[in-house]
Amino acid sequence: MKTKILLLCLGLSVLTLAFSACGNQDKKTTTTDQKISEKVVYTCTMHPEVISDKPGKCPKCGMDLVKKEPSKENSTMNEDSAEMKNMEKK
């Protein structure tokens, strides 16, 4: 009887470890995919239309290009697009 209980506990432990290991792999893959899809973009604070994939100087004013967050870039581009559409209507 003790042997059956011991084997049952051992079996449950193995299954628990197997399921928890499978769950962790999905999280790691998602994080890796997010890092690959994120792209670093540099822009000038005075001339936001100047965009580069590496740091350097703004060709218009010579200021240092600063890193821009990808999520902010998308929202800024959407706001700029909306402003341009409003200007074209006027």
C-alpha atoms as a PDB file:
ATOM      1  CA  MET A   1       0.000   0.000   0.000  1.00  0.00           C
ATOM      2  CA  LYS A   2       2.830   2.411   0.861  1.00  0.00           C
ATOM      3  CA  THR A   3       4.504   1.555  -2.442  1.00  0.00           C
ATOM      4  CA  LYS A   4       1.362   2.453  -4.439  1.00  0.00           C
ATOM      5  CA  ILE A   5       1.017   5.805  -2.653  1.00  0.00           C
ATOM      6  CA  LEU A   6       4.708   6.535  -3.196  1.00  0.00           C
ATOM      7  CA  LEU A   7       4.460   5.705  -6.920  1.00  0.00           C
ATOM      8  CA  LEU A   8       1.316   7.828  -7.240  1.00  0.00           C
ATOM      9  CA  CYS A   9       3.039  10.823  -5.609  1.00  0.00           C
ATOM     10  CA  LEU A  10       6.106  10.331  -7.793  1.00  0.00           C
ATOM     11  CA  GLY A  11       3.944  10.152 -10.937  1.00  0.00           C
ATOM     12  CA  LEU A  12       2.062  13.327 -10.006  1.00  0.00           C
ATOM     13  CA  SER A  13       5.348  15.121  -9.339  1.00  0.00           C
ATOM     14  CA  VAL A  14       6.713  14.150 -12.762  1.00  0.00           C
ATOM     15  CA  LEU A  15       3.514  15.319 -14.494  1.00  0.00           C
ATOM     16  CA  THR A  16       3.563  18.612 -12.608  1.00  0.00           C
ATOM     17  CA  LEU A  17       7.161  19.273 -13.620  1.00  0.00           C
ATOM     18  CA  ALA A  18       6.432  18.351 -17.243  1.00  0.00           C
ATOM     19  CA  PHE A  19       3.480  20.739 -17.494  1.00  0.00           C
ATOM     20  CA  SER A  20       5.293  23.605 -15.784  1.00  0.00           C
ATOM     21  CA  ALA A  21       8.303  23.205 -18.100  1.00  0.00           C
ATOM     22  CA  CYS A  22       6.059  23.382 -21.170  1.00  0.00           C
ATOM     23  CA  GLY A  23       4.417  26.570 -19.923  1.00  0.00           C
ATOM     24  CA  ASN A  24       7.736  28.382 -19.477  1.00  0.00           C
ATOM     25  CA  GLN A  25       8.867  27.736 -23.057  1.00  0.00           C
ATOM     26  CA  ASP A  26       5.945  29.687 -24.511  1.00  0.00           C
ATOM     27  CA  LYS A  27       6.780  32.767 -22.433  1.00  0.00           C
ATOM     28  CA  LYS A  28      10.438  32.716 -23.486  1.00  0.00           C
ATOM     29  CA  THR A  29       9.538  32.429 -27.166  1.00  0.00           C
ATOM     30  CA  THR A  30       7.122  35.352 -26.958  1.00  0.00           C
ATOM     31  CA  THR A  31       9.726  37.550 -25.265  1.00  0.00           C
ATOM     32  CA  THR A  32      12.324  36.655 -27.891  1.00  0.00           C
ATOM     33  CA  ASP A  33       9.878  37.386 -30.716  1.00  0.00           C
ATOM     34  CA  GLN A  34       9.058  40.783 -29.193  1.00  0.00           C
ATOM     35  CA  LYS A  35      12.746  41.712 -28.941  1.00  0.00           C
ATOM     36  CA  ILE A  36      13.335  40.759 -32.563  1.00  0.00           C
ATOM     37  CA  SER A  37      10.325  42.731 -33.804  1.00  0.00           C
ATOM     38  CA  GLU A  38      11.293  45.899 -31.893  1.00  0.00           C
ATOM     39  CA  LYS A  39      13.449  48.249 -33.927  1.00  0.00           C
ATOM     40  CA  VAL A  40      15.495  51.074 -32.453  1.00  0.00           C
ATOM     41  CA  VAL A  41      14.881  54.386 -34.183  1.00  0.00           C
ATOM     42  CA  TYR A  42      16.783  57.655 -33.693  1.00  0.00           C
ATOM     43  CA  THR A  43      15.345  61.083 -34.429  1.00  0.00           C
ATOM     44  CA  CYS A  44      16.151  64.766 -33.993  1.00  0.00           C
ATOM     45  CA  THR A  45      14.261  66.607 -31.260  1.00  0.00           C
ATOM     46  CA  MET A  46      13.995  69.721 -33.443  1.00  0.00           C
ATOM     47  CA  HIS A  47      13.246  67.874 -36.699  1.00  0.00           C
ATOM     48  CA  PRO A  48      11.081  64.786 -35.924  1.00  0.00           C
ATOM     49  CA  GLU A  49      10.849  63.989 -39.633  1.00  0.00           C
ATOM     50  CA  VAL A  50      14.557  63.057 -39.556  1.00  0.00           C
ATOM     51  CA  ILE A  51      14.646  59.325 -38.733  1.00  0.00           C
ATOM     52  CA  SER A  52      17.683  57.021 -38.628  1.00  0.00           C
ATOM     53  CA  ASP A  53      18.352  53.433 -37.574  1.00  0.00           C
ATOM     54  CA  LYS A  54      21.630  54.434 -35.890  1.00  0.00           C
ATOM     55  CA  PRO A  55      22.781  57.325 -33.690  1.00  0.00           C
ATOM     56  CA  GLY A  56      24.427  60.304 -35.337  1.00  0.00           C
ATOM     57  CA  LYS A  57      23.879  63.969 -36.134  1.00  0.00           C
ATOM     58  CA  CYS A  58      20.834  65.632 -37.667  1.00  0.00           C
ATOM     59  CA  PRO A  59      21.628  66.636 -41.258  1.00  0.00           C
ATOM     60  CA  LYS A  60      19.539  69.820 -40.896  1.00  0.00           C
ATOM     61  CA  CYS A  61      20.860  71.285 -37.623  1.00  0.00           C
ATOM     62  CA  GLY A  62      23.726  69.056 -36.443  1.00  0.00           C
ATOM     63  CA  MET A  63      22.095  68.104 -33.126  1.00  0.00           C
ATOM     64  CA  ASP A  64      22.548  64.572 -31.776  1.00  0.00           C
ATOM     65  CA  LEU A  65      19.856  62.100 -32.778  1.00  0.00           C
ATOM     66  CA  VAL A  66      18.086  60.600 -29.750  1.00  0.00           C
ATOM     67  CA  LYS A  67      16.552  57.145 -29.310  1.00  0.00           C
ATOM     68  CA  LYS A  68      12.826  57.036 -29.884  1.00  0.00           C
ATOM     69  CA  GLU A  69      10.583  54.351 -28.388  1.00  0.00           C
ATOM     70  CA  PRO A  70       8.793  52.205 -31.021  1.00  0.00           C
ATOM     71  CA  SER A  71       5.380  52.534 -29.368  1.00  0.00           C
ATOM     72  CA  LYS A  72       5.705  56.316 -29.237  1.00  0.00           C
ATOM     73  CA  GLU A  73       6.808  56.358 -32.856  1.00  0.00           C
ATOM     74  CA  ASN A  74       3.614  54.658 -33.972  1.00  0.00           C
ATOM     75  CA  SER A  75       1.369  56.981 -31.968  1.00  0.00           C
ATOM     76  CA  THR A  76       3.328  60.051 -33.111  1.00  0.00           C
ATOM     77  CA  MET A  77       3.105  58.972 -36.729  1.00  0.00           C
ATOM     78  CA  ASN A  78      -0.650  58.462 -36.358  1.00  0.00           C
ATOM     79  CA  GLU A  79      -1.028  61.906 -34.770  1.00  0.00           C
ATOM     80  CA  ASP A  80       1.087  63.482 -37.524  1.00  0.00           C
ATOM     81  CA  SER A  81      -1.001  61.741 -40.177  1.00  0.00           C
ATOM     82  CA  ALA A  82      -4.208  63.049 -38.605  1.00  0.00           C
ATOM     83  CA  GLU A  83      -2.779  66.588 -38.447  1.00  0.00           C
ATOM     84  CA  MET A  84      -1.733  66.401 -42.100  1.00  0.00           C
ATOM     85  CA  LYS A  85      -5.205  65.269 -43.126  1.00  0.00           C
ATOM     86  CA  ASN A  86      -6.747  68.164 -41.195  1.00  0.00           C
ATOM     87  CA  MET A  87      -4.355  70.620 -42.852  1.00  0.00           C
ATOM     88  CA  GLU A  88      -5.161  69.264 -46.314  1.00  0.00           C
ATOM     89  CA  LYS A  89      -8.896  69.770 -45.715  1.00  0.00           C
ATOM     90  CA  LYS A  90      -8.401  73.474 -44.861  1.00  0.00           C
END
